[in-house]
């Protein structure tokens, strides 16, 4: 067997500008990876790099030739362990690029066997969960409108971005527009530890389920303080990048937020999920804003999760691909009628 690889940069428009405490984006900049075998079967993955983790589109494009050279040299989509080992040796800690290639390999390997990825991984499609839908920062009235739109679209779980001087006003507006919804909030490192503890008290009064990354990742003592004194469970996202972070996360949070892009692909993500379980943590799989070529792969891991935040492709105005069905946020693995990740270009 032989493999041929290619990649391209794509700019995907968002339905609405997406703002968090660190900045705003109106497009999702991704790099798509395609790996094709000598029988014309194709695996697709995508890189959605974040400057927060020292990766950009140019850094992904810079390392992909060396990484894809490893794939072509090995020439076997089922040799994922070897490709991962040699790929990491070749390009180092470039999670987004590694992720794009790993996802494409898993897509191709499962496609070659004629099975969906969840079955390739031995997972139970009946144990599914519902993803949250993110309400990005905006003026308060617009956030209320976006919330009403999400509720009307049937999304029962909302994740609200915070990190402003009007956070309390925002949460009140969102709760007013979504009185029955499950609400989670994400401060993206914007608060001090004492602010976070205070905020959890009124957030609890609004029925918020948990708070994600309330304080900067470089302040683990602050995270631990919030966990000990706050009124809500704490999820660690920016504090939980790689496998070696998991033991410390268990000391400072209740939930590990793991992402394919941070971990470098499916294999490392699964290792992180099991490590988090061993440490007594609940697990949420999160995402970057990006193509279904990436997000659909994450959806196949739903049977391993407590929580899902896999709405990155749902926030797009246009996407080249479709994949795992997510009606009203429910990850419907059993409804997938294609092998691999299920990603394909609509006819």
Protein backbone atom coordinates (compact mmCIF):
# COMPACT_ATOMS: atom_id res chain seq x y z
CA UNK A 1 0.00 0.00 0.00
CA UNK A 2 1.11 3.57 -0.63
CA UNK A 3 -0.25 6.87 0.65
CA UNK A 4 -0.38 10.30 -0.96
CA UNK A 5 -0.83 13.39 1.20
CA UNK A 6 -1.80 16.98 0.57
CA UNK A 7 -2.93 20.00 2.57
CA UNK A 8 -4.50 23.38 1.96
CA UNK A 9 -5.36 26.49 3.94
CA UNK A 10 -9.05 27.42 4.15
CA UNK A 11 -10.86 30.40 5.63
CA UNK A 12 -14.33 29.52 6.89
CA UNK A 13 -16.78 32.36 7.62
CA UNK A 14 -18.57 32.31 10.97
CA UNK A 15 -22.31 32.82 11.33
CA UNK A 16 -21.56 35.62 13.81
CA UNK A 17 -18.33 37.25 15.00
CA UNK A 18 -17.02 35.12 17.86
CA UNK A 19 -15.55 36.92 20.86
CA UNK A 20 -13.95 35.62 24.03
CA UNK A 21 -11.98 37.51 26.66
CA UNK A 22 -8.82 37.30 24.52
CA UNK A 23 -10.20 38.63 21.24
CA UNK A 24 -12.62 38.37 18.31
CA UNK A 25 -12.67 36.32 15.12
CA UNK A 26 -15.00 36.52 12.12
CA UNK A 27 -13.52 33.54 10.29
CA UNK A 28 -12.05 30.19 11.28
CA UNK A 29 -8.64 29.71 9.72
CA UNK A 30 -7.97 25.99 9.26
CA UNK A 31 -5.60 23.75 7.36
CA UNK A 32 -7.25 20.71 5.75
CA UNK A 33 -5.26 17.49 5.35
CA UNK A 34 -6.14 14.70 2.90
CA UNK A 35 -4.47 11.29 2.89
CA UNK A 36 -5.33 8.98 -0.01
CA UNK A 37 -4.39 5.34 -0.47
CA UNK A 38 -3.66 3.57 -3.76
CA UNK A 39 -7.28 2.44 -4.05
CA UNK A 40 -8.62 5.99 -3.98
CA UNK A 41 -9.91 5.90 -0.40
CA UNK A 42 -9.45 9.21 1.40
CA UNK A 43 -9.06 10.28 5.02
CA UNK A 44 -9.65 13.92 5.96
CA UNK A 45 -8.49 15.92 8.99
CA UNK A 46 -8.09 19.56 9.89
CA UNK A 47 -5.85 21.77 11.97
CA UNK A 48 -7.44 24.62 13.92
CA UNK A 49 -4.42 26.20 15.61
CA UNK A 50 -4.62 28.71 18.44
CA UNK A 51 -2.00 31.34 19.18
CA UNK A 52 -2.79 30.72 22.87
CA UNK A 53 -0.83 27.50 22.46
CA UNK A 54 1.92 29.04 20.31
CA UNK A 55 0.51 27.71 17.03
CA UNK A 56 -0.67 29.57 13.95
CA UNK A 57 -1.61 28.70 10.39
CA UNK A 58 1.99 29.43 9.24
CA UNK A 59 3.50 27.18 11.93
CA UNK A 60 1.15 24.36 10.90
CA UNK A 61 2.03 24.82 7.24
CA UNK A 62 5.74 24.88 8.13
CA UNK A 63 5.76 21.48 9.84
CA UNK A 64 3.19 19.59 7.76
CA UNK A 65 5.60 18.71 4.92
CA UNK A 66 7.90 16.88 7.35
CA UNK A 67 4.97 15.25 9.12
CA UNK A 68 3.32 14.10 5.91
CA UNK A 69 6.68 12.80 4.66
CA UNK A 70 6.58 10.43 7.64
CA UNK A 71 3.10 9.30 6.65
CA UNK A 72 4.15 8.61 3.07
CA UNK A 73 7.34 6.87 4.20
CA UNK A 74 5.43 4.48 6.47
CA UNK A 75 2.73 4.07 3.84
CA UNK A 76 0.17 2.30 6.02
CA UNK A 77 -2.86 4.06 7.57
CA UNK A 78 -3.15 1.31 10.18
CA UNK A 79 0.39 1.98 11.47
CA UNK A 80 -0.86 4.93 13.50
CA UNK A 81 1.32 4.23 16.53
CA UNK A 82 4.48 4.25 14.44
CA UNK A 83 3.43 7.36 12.50
CA UNK A 84 2.60 9.16 15.75
CA UNK A 85 5.96 8.26 17.28
CA UNK A 86 8.00 9.21 14.24
CA UNK A 87 5.86 12.27 13.56
CA UNK A 88 6.36 13.67 17.04
CA UNK A 89 10.09 13.05 16.70
CA UNK A 90 10.08 14.93 13.39
CA UNK A 91 8.01 18.01 14.30
CA UNK A 92 7.97 18.21 18.09
CA UNK A 93 5.07 19.61 20.08
CA UNK A 94 2.89 21.00 17.30
CA UNK A 95 -0.49 19.73 18.45
CA UNK A 96 -2.71 21.20 15.72
CA UNK A 97 -0.62 19.78 12.88
CA UNK A 98 -0.26 16.41 14.59
CA UNK A 99 -4.01 16.39 15.20
CA UNK A 100 -4.90 17.05 11.56
CA UNK A 101 -2.77 14.14 10.39
CA UNK A 102 -3.89 11.80 13.16
CA UNK A 103 -7.57 12.48 12.43
CA UNK A 104 -7.06 11.92 8.70
CA UNK A 105 -5.28 8.63 9.40
CA UNK A 106 -8.05 7.42 11.70
CA UNK A 107 -10.64 8.43 9.12
CA UNK A 108 -8.80 6.50 6.40
CA UNK A 109 -8.04 3.45 8.56
CA UNK A 110 -11.67 3.03 9.61
CA UNK A 111 -12.84 3.69 6.05
CA UNK A 112 -10.55 0.95 4.76
CA UNK A 113 -12.27 -1.47 7.16
CA UNK A 114 -15.72 -0.16 6.23
CA UNK A 115 -16.64 0.81 9.79
CA UNK A 116 -17.38 4.12 11.52
CA UNK A 117 -14.63 5.47 13.74
CA UNK A 118 -16.50 4.78 17.00
CA UNK A 119 -16.65 1.09 16.04
CA UNK A 120 -12.98 1.09 15.02
CA UNK A 121 -12.29 2.36 18.55
CA UNK A 122 -14.68 -0.17 20.12
CA UNK A 123 -17.03 2.46 21.53
CA UNK A 124 -20.76 2.22 22.24
CA UNK A 125 -22.86 4.47 19.96
CA UNK A 126 -25.80 4.14 22.33
CA UNK A 127 -23.92 6.00 25.06
CA UNK A 128 -24.20 9.43 23.54
CA UNK A 129 -24.43 12.92 25.01
CA UNK A 130 -25.43 16.40 23.90
CA UNK A 131 -22.96 19.15 23.07
CA UNK A 132 -23.22 22.64 24.48
CA UNK A 133 -23.72 25.57 22.12
CA UNK A 134 -21.54 28.61 22.76
CA UNK A 135 -22.79 32.16 23.18
CA UNK A 136 -19.80 34.37 22.45
CA UNK A 137 -19.22 37.76 24.02
CA UNK A 138 -21.14 40.68 22.53
CA UNK A 139 -23.18 43.58 23.82
CA UNK A 140 -25.69 42.29 26.33
CA UNK A 141 -28.73 42.74 24.13
CA UNK A 142 -27.12 40.86 21.28
CA UNK A 143 -26.13 38.02 23.61
CA UNK A 144 -29.75 37.80 24.73
CA UNK A 145 -30.80 37.59 21.07
CA UNK A 146 -28.21 34.92 20.29
CA UNK A 147 -29.43 32.95 23.29
CA UNK A 148 -33.02 33.16 22.10
CA UNK A 149 -31.90 31.96 18.66
CA UNK A 150 -30.07 28.99 20.19
CA UNK A 151 -33.09 28.06 22.29
CA UNK A 152 -35.37 28.32 19.26
CA UNK A 153 -32.97 26.03 17.36
CA UNK A 154 -33.43 23.45 20.12
CA UNK A 155 -30.07 23.57 21.90
CA UNK A 156 -30.68 22.61 25.55
CA UNK A 157 -27.13 23.30 26.84
CA UNK A 158 -25.46 26.69 26.48
CA UNK A 159 -21.89 27.73 27.22
CA UNK A 160 -21.64 31.46 27.87
CA UNK A 161 -18.37 33.30 27.41
CA UNK A 162 -17.55 35.74 30.20
CA UNK A 163 -14.63 37.90 31.25
CA UNK A 164 -16.03 41.45 31.13
CA UNK A 165 -17.05 44.13 33.62
CA UNK A 166 -20.70 43.23 32.97
CA UNK A 167 -20.60 39.48 33.50
CA UNK A 168 -23.46 39.50 35.97
CA UNK A 169 -25.64 41.47 33.57
CA UNK A 170 -24.81 39.02 30.77
CA UNK A 171 -25.71 35.93 32.78
CA UNK A 172 -28.97 37.50 33.93
CA UNK A 173 -29.89 38.29 30.32
CA UNK A 174 -28.99 34.81 29.12
CA UNK A 175 -30.94 33.14 31.91
CA UNK A 176 -33.93 35.34 31.14
CA UNK A 177 -33.81 34.26 27.50
CA UNK A 178 -33.21 30.60 28.36
CA UNK A 179 -35.00 29.83 31.64
CA UNK A 180 -34.92 26.05 31.13
CA UNK A 181 -31.48 25.64 29.58
CA UNK A 182 -28.45 24.12 31.23
CA UNK A 183 -25.89 26.92 31.40
CA UNK A 184 -22.13 26.63 31.72
CA UNK A 185 -19.77 29.61 31.70
CA UNK A 186 -16.21 30.06 30.47
CA UNK A 187 -14.07 32.99 31.61
CA UNK A 188 -11.02 32.04 29.50
CA UNK A 189 -8.58 32.99 32.30
CA UNK A 190 -10.06 36.47 32.79
CA UNK A 191 -10.68 36.58 36.55
CA UNK A 192 -8.54 36.80 39.65
CA UNK A 193 -9.01 33.98 42.17
CA UNK A 194 -11.03 36.14 44.57
CA UNK A 195 -13.17 37.52 41.75
CA UNK A 196 -13.81 33.96 40.63
CA UNK A 197 -14.90 32.79 44.07
CA UNK A 198 -17.26 35.76 44.37
CA UNK A 199 -18.60 35.18 40.87
CA UNK A 200 -19.35 31.52 41.52
CA UNK A 201 -21.71 32.56 44.30
CA UNK A 202 -24.06 34.59 42.10
CA UNK A 203 -23.55 32.20 39.18
CA UNK A 204 -24.86 29.41 41.39
CA UNK A 205 -27.93 31.52 42.12
CA UNK A 206 -28.59 31.61 38.35
CA UNK A 207 -28.39 27.82 38.16
CA UNK A 208 -25.05 27.66 36.34
CA UNK A 209 -23.69 24.10 36.16
CA UNK A 210 -19.93 24.79 36.27
CA UNK A 211 -17.26 27.38 35.49
CA UNK A 212 -14.50 26.76 32.97
CA UNK A 213 -10.97 28.17 33.43
CA UNK A 214 -11.82 31.09 35.73
CA UNK A 215 -8.19 32.16 36.33
CA UNK A 216 -4.97 32.07 34.27
CA UNK A 217 -3.37 28.69 33.70
CA UNK A 218 -0.07 29.98 35.06
CA UNK A 219 -1.72 30.37 38.47
CA UNK A 220 -2.51 26.80 39.57
CA UNK A 221 -2.63 27.93 43.20
CA UNK A 222 -5.37 30.38 42.21
CA UNK A 223 -7.32 27.62 40.47
CA UNK A 224 -7.01 25.46 43.56
CA UNK A 225 -8.25 28.37 45.70
CA UNK A 226 -11.34 28.74 43.52
CA UNK A 227 -12.00 25.04 43.62
CA UNK A 228 -11.73 24.99 47.41
CA UNK A 229 -13.73 28.13 48.19
CA UNK A 230 -16.03 28.56 45.20
CA UNK A 231 -19.67 27.53 45.00
CA UNK A 232 -19.46 25.63 41.68
CA UNK A 233 -17.41 22.86 40.08
CA UNK A 234 -14.37 24.04 38.12
CA UNK A 235 -13.26 22.85 34.67
CA UNK A 236 -9.65 23.24 33.53
CA UNK A 237 -9.10 24.02 29.83
CA UNK A 238 -6.03 26.19 29.31
CA UNK A 239 -4.52 24.40 32.33
CA UNK A 240 -4.99 21.01 30.63
CA UNK A 241 -2.97 20.90 27.43
CA UNK A 242 -1.13 17.58 27.36
CA UNK A 243 -1.05 14.22 29.12
CA UNK A 244 1.54 15.33 31.66
CA UNK A 245 -0.79 18.12 32.85
CA UNK A 246 -3.50 15.73 34.05
CA UNK A 247 -2.12 14.95 37.54
CA UNK A 248 -1.87 18.66 38.39
CA UNK A 249 -5.33 19.31 36.96
CA UNK A 250 -6.67 16.76 39.44
CA UNK A 251 -5.31 18.95 42.24
CA UNK A 252 -6.93 22.17 41.03
CA UNK A 253 -10.16 21.29 39.20
CA UNK A 254 -13.10 18.92 39.02
CA UNK A 255 -13.33 18.55 35.24
CA UNK A 256 -10.60 18.14 32.64
CA UNK A 257 -11.32 19.90 29.35
CA UNK A 258 -9.45 17.93 26.71
CA UNK A 259 -9.19 18.91 23.05
CA UNK A 260 -7.97 16.99 20.03
CA UNK A 261 -6.02 20.02 18.88
CA UNK A 262 -4.20 20.48 22.17
CA UNK A 263 -3.47 16.79 22.59
CA UNK A 264 -2.30 16.23 19.03
CA UNK A 265 -4.94 13.79 17.87
CA UNK A 266 -7.24 10.95 18.79
CA UNK A 267 -4.71 8.55 20.31
CA UNK A 268 -3.33 11.10 22.78
CA UNK A 269 -6.83 12.38 23.55
CA UNK A 270 -7.97 8.89 24.51
CA UNK A 271 -4.89 8.50 26.72
CA UNK A 272 -5.70 11.81 28.41
CA UNK A 273 -9.32 10.77 28.97
CA UNK A 274 -8.26 7.56 30.70
CA UNK A 275 -5.61 9.39 32.74
CA UNK A 276 -8.20 11.92 33.87
CA UNK A 277 -10.55 9.11 34.90
CA UNK A 278 -7.73 7.48 36.88
CA UNK A 279 -7.23 10.79 38.71
CA UNK A 280 -10.93 11.04 39.60
CA UNK A 281 -11.71 13.84 37.18
CA UNK A 282 -14.82 14.21 35.07
CA UNK A 283 -14.07 14.73 31.37
CA UNK A 284 -15.27 17.25 28.83
CA UNK A 285 -14.11 17.19 25.22
CA UNK A 286 -13.85 20.71 23.89
CA UNK A 287 -12.91 22.14 20.52
CA UNK A 288 -11.62 25.06 18.57
CA UNK A 289 -13.84 26.83 16.06
CA UNK A 290 -13.30 24.91 12.86
CA UNK A 291 -14.36 22.53 10.16
CA UNK A 292 -16.49 19.44 10.56
CA UNK A 293 -13.41 17.63 9.24
CA UNK A 294 -12.04 18.05 12.77
CA UNK A 295 -15.17 18.25 14.91
CA UNK A 296 -16.76 15.07 13.57
CA UNK A 297 -13.78 13.07 14.79
CA UNK A 298 -14.27 14.40 18.30
CA UNK A 299 -17.94 13.43 18.20
CA UNK A 300 -16.94 9.76 17.87
CA UNK A 301 -15.39 9.96 21.35
CA UNK A 302 -18.73 10.94 22.94
CA UNK A 303 -19.19 7.54 24.62
CA UNK A 304 -16.09 8.26 26.75
CA UNK A 305 -17.24 11.67 27.99
CA UNK A 306 -19.23 13.30 30.77
CA UNK A 307 -19.61 16.58 28.89
CA UNK A 308 -19.17 17.74 25.30
CA UNK A 309 -18.41 21.17 23.91
CA UNK A 310 -18.17 20.21 20.25
CA UNK A 311 -19.99 23.06 18.59
CA UNK A 312 -17.09 24.61 16.68
CA UNK A 313 -18.51 23.66 13.29
CA UNK A 314 -22.03 24.63 14.37
CA UNK A 315 -20.81 28.23 14.66
CA UNK A 316 -19.75 28.40 11.01
CA UNK A 317 -21.70 30.16 8.31
CA UNK A 318 -20.22 27.83 5.67
CA UNK A 319 -18.34 24.55 5.81
CA UNK A 320 -17.01 22.32 3.05
CA UNK A 321 -17.87 19.14 4.92
CA UNK A 322 -20.67 17.46 6.80
CA UNK A 323 -20.27 14.59 9.27
CA UNK A 324 -21.78 13.14 12.43
CA UNK A 325 -25.39 14.33 12.77
CA UNK A 326 -25.98 16.65 15.74
CA UNK A 327 -29.70 17.47 15.74
CA UNK A 328 -30.33 20.06 18.46
CA UNK A 329 -26.84 19.31 19.77
CA UNK A 330 -27.38 15.58 20.31
CA UNK A 331 -24.39 13.62 19.03
CA UNK A 332 -26.10 10.94 16.94
CA UNK A 333 -23.45 8.30 16.25
CA UNK A 334 -26.04 5.63 15.52
CA UNK A 335 -27.44 7.86 12.77
CA UNK A 336 -24.14 7.94 10.90
CA UNK A 337 -24.37 6.03 7.62
CA UNK A 338 -20.74 6.34 6.45
CA UNK A 339 -17.47 4.74 7.55
CA UNK A 340 -14.56 6.58 9.11
CA UNK A 341 -15.38 9.86 10.76
CA UNK A 342 -18.32 10.21 8.37
CA UNK A 343 -16.90 13.41 6.93
CA UNK A 344 -17.77 14.08 3.31
CA UNK A 345 -18.56 16.91 0.94
CA UNK A 346 -22.34 17.22 0.53
CA UNK A 347 -23.60 16.35 -2.92
